[in-house]
C-alpha cells in the first residue's frame, strides 16, 4: 500500500509538471496527449487502490509507463534542451516524407515553425521540401532563417548559393559563396561552384585564385585541376593549362574531357602526333563523337585518307550534325566520295556536352583557326612546342 501511495504522489507531481510547465506555459497541445495518458494511468492506479481490481501485470505495466517512464523521459529530454514537441513533429514529418506524403509533412513543419520560430531542424526540413516542390524563393527564406538560428551551418550557405544560381541571381550567388569560402576554404563544392561562376563572369584571375585554394585543401580532386586548366586556357596561358590537364589525367585516367583539351592544345601548336594520341584517349562518353571528328582531320593532315574516312563516318553514325561541318571544311574534299551521308540519324552518344564544355571547345577551336598562319613561320617542322 505504501508503494501505491508513493507511486500516486510521484504520478501527480509529474502530471502537475506536464500540465503547468508544458501544456499551459508552452501552450502546446502536443502535451495534451501525454496528460491524457497520465490521467488514464492515475485513474487505473486509484481503481487498484480503492477497489483492489485491475491488479494484473498488464495494467501495472501500463500505469508505470504512462505515469512515470514517459513523463520522466520528457523531463530528462527537456532538461538537456531537447524540445519534445519539436522532436515528435520532426520525426513524424520524416516518416511521412519516407511514405511519400509530402503535403502532410509540410503542414506539420509549418505548424512547428509557427509555434517554435527558432526550430533549426524544422526550418531546414521545410526548406528542403520547398526546394523539392520548386519553391526556390520560399526555400531561400527558410534557409536564411536556419542561418539566423545557427550561423555556422555552412551547408545551408551552400544551399542558398545553389538556389540563387538556379534563379539566375549569379551575382548574389557569388557573394554568398565568397563569404562561405572565406569562412571554410576547404569546402570543395563551394570552391568548384564559385570558380565556375567566376569563369562565366569572365573573372578569370579571381577564378584562378579560388581553384588554387581548393586544390590546396583537396589535392586529389581531378576536376579542380581541370577547371583551373579551363581558366588558364581562357587567359591564353596555354602552357599552364597543359600542366593542369596533365595533372587531371594523372589523378583520374578516365577524365576524357581532359585528354580532349590536351588534344586541342596540341593542335593549337600543330603537334599533330601528340594531338592524335590525346584524341584516341578521349574517345568515350561526351567526347567520343567530337574526338572522331578531330581524328579525321588529323588523318587528312597526315594524308591517310582511309583512316580519315573511317573516323568521320564513325562521327556521322553518332551525330548527323557533323555532316554540315564536313561540307564546310575544304580539308575533306579529297574523301568526299568515301563519306556516307547520314539518313536522319540523331545524336546517339547519350551524353550531352555541358555548356561549360561547349564554350571551352569553341574557344580553343577558334584560337586554333586564328593561329594557323603563325605556325609554319615559327617552326621548320610544322610544330610549335609548349613553353
Protein backbone atom coordinates (compact mmCIF):
# COMPACT_ATOMS: atom_id res chain seq x y z
CA UNK A 1 0.00 0.00 0.00
CA UNK A 2 2.84 2.41 0.84
CA UNK A 3 4.30 1.75 -2.59
CA UNK A 4 0.95 2.61 -4.22
CA UNK A 5 0.78 5.87 -2.26
CA UNK A 6 4.33 6.85 -3.24
CA UNK A 7 3.56 5.92 -6.86
CA UNK A 8 0.40 8.07 -6.78
CA UNK A 9 2.27 11.03 -5.28
CA UNK A 10 5.03 10.89 -7.91
CA UNK A 11 2.43 10.48 -10.66
CA UNK A 12 0.54 13.58 -9.52
CA UNK A 13 3.77 15.60 -9.34
CA UNK A 14 4.71 14.59 -12.88
CA UNK A 15 1.17 15.29 -14.06
CA UNK A 16 1.37 18.76 -12.47
CA UNK A 17 4.76 19.35 -14.16
CA UNK A 18 3.48 18.46 -17.62
CA UNK A 19 0.22 20.38 -17.15
CA UNK A 20 1.71 23.63 -15.81
CA UNK A 21 5.16 23.83 -17.37
CA UNK A 22 4.39 22.26 -20.72
CA UNK A 23 0.73 22.47 -21.69
CA UNK A 24 -0.01 25.83 -20.01
CA UNK A 25 3.35 27.58 -20.22
CA UNK A 26 4.18 26.49 -23.78
CA UNK A 27 0.53 26.49 -24.89
CA UNK A 28 1.30 23.41 -26.97
CA UNK A 29 -1.46 20.84 -27.42
CA UNK A 30 1.11 18.12 -28.20
CA UNK A 31 1.46 17.72 -24.44
CA UNK A 32 -2.29 17.10 -24.10
CA UNK A 33 -1.87 13.50 -25.31
CA UNK A 34 0.72 12.89 -22.59
CA UNK A 35 -1.58 14.38 -19.96
CA UNK A 36 -4.49 12.20 -21.07
CA UNK A 37 -2.34 9.06 -20.92
CA UNK A 38 -1.09 10.11 -17.46
CA UNK A 39 -4.66 10.68 -16.30
CA UNK A 40 -5.66 7.21 -17.50
CA UNK A 41 -2.71 5.70 -15.65
CA UNK A 42 -3.54 7.58 -12.45
CA UNK A 43 -7.18 6.51 -12.73
CA UNK A 44 -6.15 2.84 -13.10
CA UNK A 45 -3.92 3.20 -10.05
CA UNK A 46 -6.77 4.71 -7.99
CA UNK A 47 -9.11 1.91 -9.05
CA UNK A 48 -6.49 -0.61 -7.95
CA UNK A 49 -6.20 1.07 -4.51
CA UNK A 50 -9.92 1.64 -3.90
CA UNK A 51 -11.44 -1.50 -5.37
CA UNK A 52 -8.50 -3.92 -5.48
CA UNK A 53 -9.14 -4.74 -9.16
CA UNK A 54 -7.08 -4.42 -12.37
CA UNK A 55 -4.08 -5.72 -10.48
CA UNK A 56 -2.60 -7.82 -13.28
CA UNK A 57 0.89 -7.26 -14.65
CA UNK A 58 -0.51 -5.65 -17.82
CA UNK A 59 -2.36 -2.81 -16.07
CA UNK A 60 0.50 -2.29 -13.62
CA UNK A 61 2.99 -2.00 -16.51
CA UNK A 62 0.71 0.46 -18.31
CA UNK A 63 0.42 2.70 -15.26
CA UNK A 64 4.20 2.76 -14.73
CA UNK A 65 4.90 3.51 -18.39
CA UNK A 66 2.37 6.34 -18.83
CA UNK A 67 2.63 7.84 -15.34
CA UNK A 68 6.34 7.52 -14.57
CA UNK A 69 8.53 6.46 -17.51
CA UNK A 70 7.12 8.73 -20.28
CA UNK A 71 6.95 11.90 -18.13
CA UNK A 72 10.42 11.21 -16.68
CA UNK A 73 11.90 10.81 -20.18
CA UNK A 74 10.16 14.04 -21.16
CA UNK A 75 11.69 15.78 -18.15
CA UNK A 76 15.18 14.45 -18.95
CA UNK A 77 14.96 15.43 -22.63
CA UNK A 78 13.83 18.97 -21.95
CA UNK A 79 16.39 19.38 -19.15
CA UNK A 80 19.01 18.66 -21.84
CA UNK A 81 17.48 21.34 -24.07
CA UNK A 82 15.62 18.94 -26.37
CA UNK A 83 12.12 20.14 -27.19
CA UNK A 84 9.92 17.04 -27.08
CA UNK A 85 7.17 18.65 -29.14
CA UNK A 86 9.67 19.64 -31.82
CA UNK A 87 11.27 16.19 -31.78
CA UNK A 88 7.91 14.46 -32.16
CA UNK A 89 6.80 16.68 -35.05
CA UNK A 90 10.13 16.34 -36.86
CA UNK A 91 10.14 12.54 -36.52
CA UNK A 92 6.53 12.38 -37.73
CA UNK A 93 7.26 14.58 -40.74
CA UNK A 94 10.31 12.50 -41.68
CA UNK A 95 8.26 9.32 -41.55
CA UNK A 96 5.60 10.96 -43.74
CA UNK A 97 8.26 12.03 -46.24
CA UNK A 98 9.56 8.47 -46.41
CA UNK A 99 5.98 7.30 -47.02
CA UNK A 100 5.61 9.90 -49.79
CA UNK A 101 3.11 12.16 -48.02
CA UNK A 102 4.96 15.43 -48.58
CA UNK A 103 1.92 17.65 -48.13
CA UNK A 104 1.10 16.34 -44.65
CA UNK A 105 4.77 16.52 -43.65
CA UNK A 106 4.93 20.12 -44.83
CA UNK A 107 1.78 21.03 -42.87
CA UNK A 108 3.30 19.57 -39.69
CA UNK A 109 6.54 21.50 -40.20
CA UNK A 110 4.72 24.77 -40.93
CA UNK A 111 2.81 24.25 -37.70
CA UNK A 112 6.11 23.56 -35.91
CA UNK A 113 7.94 26.68 -37.10
CA UNK A 114 4.84 28.77 -36.44
CA UNK A 115 4.88 27.53 -32.85
CA UNK A 116 8.64 27.48 -32.41
CA UNK A 117 10.22 30.07 -34.69
CA UNK A 118 13.71 29.06 -33.54
CA UNK A 119 13.30 25.45 -34.64
CA UNK A 120 16.53 24.87 -36.58
CA UNK A 121 15.64 21.43 -37.93
CA UNK A 122 12.06 22.49 -38.67
CA UNK A 123 13.13 25.37 -40.92
CA UNK A 124 15.77 23.21 -42.59
CA UNK A 125 13.39 20.37 -43.42
CA UNK A 126 10.81 22.85 -44.66
CA UNK A 127 13.41 24.46 -46.91
CA UNK A 128 14.23 21.07 -48.42
CA UNK A 129 10.56 20.39 -49.10
CA UNK A 130 10.08 23.79 -50.77
CA UNK A 131 13.12 23.10 -52.93
CA UNK A 132 11.72 19.71 -54.00
CA UNK A 133 8.45 21.43 -54.91
CA UNK A 134 10.25 24.09 -56.96
CA UNK A 135 9.50 26.90 -54.50
CA UNK A 136 13.02 28.30 -54.68
CA UNK A 137 12.29 31.66 -53.06
CA UNK A 138 10.44 30.06 -50.15
CA UNK A 139 13.32 27.62 -49.74
CA UNK A 140 15.80 30.51 -49.62
CA UNK A 141 13.70 32.25 -46.96
CA UNK A 142 13.74 29.11 -44.82
CA UNK A 143 17.50 28.62 -45.22
CA UNK A 144 18.04 32.27 -44.22
CA UNK A 145 16.10 31.55 -41.02
CA UNK A 146 18.28 28.49 -40.49
CA UNK A 147 21.37 30.71 -40.66
CA UNK A 148 19.78 33.20 -38.26
CA UNK A 149 19.47 30.36 -35.76
CA UNK A 150 22.81 28.69 -36.47
CA UNK A 151 25.23 30.92 -38.34
CA UNK A 152 27.88 28.22 -38.76
CA UNK A 153 25.66 25.93 -40.83
CA UNK A 154 27.87 26.06 -43.92
CA UNK A 155 25.75 23.54 -45.82
CA UNK A 156 22.86 26.00 -45.70
CA UNK A 157 25.13 28.75 -47.03
CA UNK A 158 25.85 26.48 -49.99
CA UNK A 159 22.19 25.54 -50.45
CA UNK A 160 21.25 29.22 -50.66
CA UNK A 161 24.01 29.76 -53.23
CA UNK A 162 22.70 26.87 -55.33
CA UNK A 163 19.17 28.22 -55.23
CA UNK A 164 20.29 31.75 -56.14
CA UNK A 165 22.22 30.33 -59.08
CA UNK A 166 19.17 28.36 -60.25
CA UNK A 167 17.11 31.56 -60.07
CA UNK A 168 19.68 33.30 -62.27
CA UNK A 169 20.90 35.54 -59.45
CA UNK A 170 24.54 34.78 -60.14
CA UNK A 171 25.99 37.91 -58.53
CA UNK A 172 24.16 37.14 -55.28
CA UNK A 173 25.32 33.52 -55.50
CA UNK A 174 28.92 34.65 -55.98
CA UNK A 175 28.62 36.97 -52.99
CA UNK A 176 27.23 34.17 -50.81
CA UNK A 177 29.86 31.68 -51.95
CA UNK A 178 32.66 34.18 -51.38
CA UNK A 179 31.56 34.55 -47.76
CA UNK A 180 31.39 30.78 -47.42
CA UNK A 181 34.80 30.13 -48.99
CA UNK A 182 36.40 32.79 -46.79
CA UNK A 183 34.98 31.04 -43.72
CA UNK A 184 35.58 27.44 -44.87
CA UNK A 185 38.20 27.40 -47.65
CA UNK A 186 38.39 23.60 -47.57
CA UNK A 187 34.82 23.19 -48.86
CA UNK A 188 35.25 21.55 -52.26
CA UNK A 189 31.70 22.09 -53.57
CA UNK A 190 31.77 25.79 -52.71
CA UNK A 191 35.16 26.32 -54.39
CA UNK A 192 34.05 24.49 -57.53
CA UNK A 193 30.78 26.36 -57.85
CA UNK A 194 32.30 29.78 -57.10
CA UNK A 195 35.16 29.22 -59.53
CA UNK A 196 32.83 28.20 -62.35
CA UNK A 197 30.52 31.16 -61.72
CA UNK A 198 33.54 33.47 -61.90
CA UNK A 199 34.53 31.86 -65.20
CA UNK A 200 31.02 32.56 -66.52
CA UNK A 201 31.50 36.20 -65.48
CA UNK A 202 34.95 36.11 -67.19
CA UNK A 203 36.65 37.00 -63.90
CA UNK A 204 39.46 34.59 -64.65
CA UNK A 205 42.06 35.88 -62.20
CA UNK A 206 39.65 35.50 -59.28
CA UNK A 207 38.60 32.09 -60.52
CA UNK A 208 42.26 31.02 -60.65
CA UNK A 209 42.74 32.01 -57.02
CA UNK A 210 39.64 30.10 -55.96
CA UNK A 211 40.64 26.90 -57.77
CA UNK A 212 44.19 27.07 -56.41
CA UNK A 213 42.77 27.49 -52.92
CA UNK A 214 40.51 24.50 -53.50
CA UNK A 215 43.48 22.40 -54.69
CA UNK A 216 45.42 23.35 -51.56
CA UNK A 217 42.79 21.64 -49.39
CA UNK A 218 41.70 18.99 -51.93
CA UNK A 219 44.88 18.00 -53.81
CA UNK A 220 43.39 14.76 -55.13
CA UNK A 221 40.37 16.27 -56.86
CA UNK A 222 40.96 15.91 -60.61
CA UNK A 223 38.10 18.24 -61.54
CA UNK A 224 39.68 21.16 -59.65
CA UNK A 225 42.83 20.85 -61.78
CA UNK A 226 40.65 20.56 -64.86
CA UNK A 227 38.67 23.70 -64.00
CA UNK A 228 41.93 25.53 -63.28
CA UNK A 229 43.13 24.38 -66.71
CA UNK A 230 39.97 25.83 -68.30
CA UNK A 231 40.62 29.13 -66.50
CA UNK A 232 44.23 29.29 -67.74
CA UNK A 233 43.00 28.41 -71.23
CA UNK A 234 40.60 31.35 -71.22
CA UNK A 235 43.52 33.55 -70.08
CA UNK A 236 45.62 32.21 -73.02
CA UNK A 237 48.10 30.73 -70.52
CA UNK A 238 48.28 27.56 -72.57
CA UNK A 239 51.43 26.06 -71.06
CA UNK A 240 49.94 26.36 -67.55
CA UNK A 241 46.65 24.95 -68.83
CA UNK A 242 48.50 21.97 -70.30
CA UNK A 243 50.10 21.18 -66.94
CA UNK A 244 46.70 21.30 -65.25
CA UNK A 245 45.12 18.97 -67.80
CA UNK A 246 48.05 16.56 -67.47
CA UNK A 247 47.66 16.60 -63.69
CA UNK A 248 43.95 15.87 -64.14
CA UNK A 249 44.73 12.79 -66.23
CA UNK A 250 47.40 11.72 -63.74
CA UNK A 251 44.85 11.75 -60.90
CA UNK A 252 41.97 10.30 -62.95
CA UNK A 253 42.86 8.39 -66.10
CA UNK A 254 39.17 8.27 -67.08
CA UNK A 255 38.82 12.06 -67.25
CA UNK A 256 38.24 12.04 -71.01
CA UNK A 257 37.47 15.74 -71.33
CA UNK A 258 40.97 16.49 -70.13
CA UNK A 259 42.51 14.29 -72.84
CA UNK A 260 40.37 16.12 -75.36
CA UNK A 261 41.63 19.52 -74.14
CA UNK A 262 45.22 18.29 -74.40
CA UNK A 263 44.45 17.20 -77.95
CA UNK A 264 43.07 20.66 -78.76
CA UNK A 265 46.13 22.35 -77.26
CA UNK A 266 48.41 20.07 -79.26
CA UNK A 267 46.54 21.02 -82.42
CA UNK A 268 46.87 24.66 -81.45
CA UNK A 269 50.64 24.27 -81.56
CA UNK A 270 50.48 21.92 -84.58
CA UNK A 271 51.88 18.98 -82.61
CA UNK A 272 49.90 16.52 -84.70
CA UNK A 273 51.36 13.34 -83.24
CA UNK A 274 50.55 14.36 -79.66
CA UNK A 275 47.08 15.52 -80.71
CA UNK A 276 46.40 12.14 -82.32
CA UNK A 277 47.37 10.31 -79.12
CA UNK A 278 45.25 12.50 -76.91
CA UNK A 279 42.16 12.28 -79.12
CA UNK A 280 42.50 8.50 -79.26
CA UNK A 281 42.45 8.50 -75.44
CA UNK A 282 39.40 10.77 -75.30
CA UNK A 283 37.08 8.56 -77.36
CA UNK A 284 34.49 7.92 -74.69
CA UNK A 285 31.24 9.44 -73.43
CA UNK A 286 30.51 13.02 -74.37
CA UNK A 287 33.89 13.44 -76.09
CA UNK A 288 33.63 10.34 -78.28
CA UNK A 289 31.96 11.81 -81.36
CA UNK A 290 33.94 15.02 -81.46
CA UNK A 291 37.16 13.01 -80.98
CA UNK A 292 36.27 11.01 -84.10
CA UNK A 293 35.84 14.30 -85.94
CA UNK A 294 39.17 15.70 -84.76
CA UNK A 295 40.97 12.46 -85.64
CA UNK A 296 39.51 12.52 -89.14
CA UNK A 297 41.04 15.98 -89.65
CA UNK A 298 44.37 14.82 -88.26
CA UNK A 299 44.49 11.86 -90.66
CA UNK A 300 43.69 14.17 -93.57
CA UNK A 301 46.69 16.28 -92.50
CA UNK A 302 48.74 13.07 -92.48
CA UNK A 303 47.30 12.13 -95.90
CA UNK A 304 45.81 8.92 -94.55
CA UNK A 305 42.50 9.13 -96.38
CA UNK A 306 41.17 5.71 -95.38
CA UNK A 307 41.55 6.39 -91.66
CA UNK A 308 40.14 9.88 -92.09
CA UNK A 309 37.05 8.47 -93.82
CA UNK A 310 36.67 5.74 -91.19
CA UNK A 311 36.66 8.23 -88.29
CA UNK A 312 34.43 10.80 -89.97
CA UNK A 313 31.90 8.09 -90.75
CA UNK A 314 32.00 6.98 -87.11
CA UNK A 315 31.25 10.55 -86.09
CA UNK A 316 28.33 10.65 -88.51
CA UNK A 317 26.97 7.37 -87.16
CA UNK A 318 26.67 9.06 -83.76
CA UNK A 319 25.53 12.50 -84.84
CA UNK A 320 24.40 13.72 -88.27
CA UNK A 321 25.18 17.38 -87.46
CA UNK A 322 28.82 16.73 -88.35
CA UNK A 323 27.82 16.35 -92.00
CA UNK A 324 27.26 20.11 -92.22
CA UNK A 325 30.69 20.71 -90.69
CA UNK A 326 32.28 18.36 -93.21
CA UNK A 327 30.56 20.22 -96.05
CA UNK A 328 32.10 23.48 -94.85
CA UNK A 329 35.63 22.06 -94.34
CA UNK A 330 37.73 22.07 -97.57
CA UNK A 331 40.12 19.56 -95.95
CA UNK A 332 37.56 16.79 -96.52
CA UNK A 333 37.07 17.39 -100.25
CA UNK A 334 39.54 14.64 -101.30
CA UNK A 335 37.50 11.96 -99.45
CA UNK A 336 34.01 13.27 -100.19
CA UNK A 337 33.14 10.12 -102.12
CA UNK A 338 34.09 7.97 -99.09
CA UNK A 339 31.83 9.81 -96.69
CA UNK A 340 28.48 8.11 -96.03
CA UNK A 341 25.73 10.69 -95.78
CA UNK A 342 23.53 10.01 -92.73
CA UNK A 343 19.84 9.37 -93.20
CA UNK A 344 18.07 11.22 -90.43
CA UNK A 345 20.35 9.91 -87.67
CA UNK A 346 20.40 11.91 -84.49
CA UNK A 347 22.95 12.15 -81.70
CA UNK A 348 23.27 8.68 -80.15
CA UNK A 349 26.18 9.44 -77.83
CA UNK A 350 23.71 9.57 -74.87
CA UNK A 351 25.81 12.14 -73.00
CA UNK A 352 25.05 15.79 -73.73
CA UNK A 353 28.01 18.14 -73.56
CA UNK A 354 27.61 20.76 -70.84
CA UNK A 355 27.54 24.46 -71.64
CA UNK A 356 30.93 24.90 -69.97
CA UNK A 357 32.46 22.24 -72.23
CA UNK A 358 30.85 23.71 -75.35
CA UNK A 359 32.26 27.14 -74.57
CA UNK A 360 35.84 25.97 -73.95
CA UNK A 361 35.76 23.68 -77.03
CA UNK A 362 34.61 26.57 -79.22
CA UNK A 363 37.22 28.88 -77.67
CA UNK A 364 40.09 26.52 -78.45
CA UNK A 365 38.75 25.77 -81.93
CA UNK A 366 38.53 29.48 -82.70
CA UNK A 367 42.02 30.05 -81.32
CA UNK A 368 43.32 27.21 -83.48
CA UNK A 369 41.84 28.85 -86.58
CA UNK A 370 43.39 32.21 -85.71
CA UNK A 371 46.89 30.74 -85.23
CA UNK A 372 47.08 28.75 -88.47
CA UNK A 373 49.13 31.33 -90.31
CA UNK A 374 51.62 31.87 -87.48
CA UNK A 375 52.62 28.26 -87.01
CA UNK A 376 54.78 27.43 -90.01
CA UNK A 377 56.69 30.70 -89.72
CA UNK A 378 57.84 29.74 -86.23
CA UNK A 379 58.90 26.12 -86.73
CA UNK A 380 60.63 24.32 -89.56
CA UNK A 381 58.99 21.05 -88.53
CA UNK A 382 55.50 22.49 -88.55
CA UNK A 383 55.29 22.14 -84.75
CA UNK A 384 55.22 24.83 -82.13
CA UNK A 385 56.28 23.39 -78.81
CA UNK A 386 54.79 24.27 -75.47
CA UNK A 387 56.82 26.65 -73.35
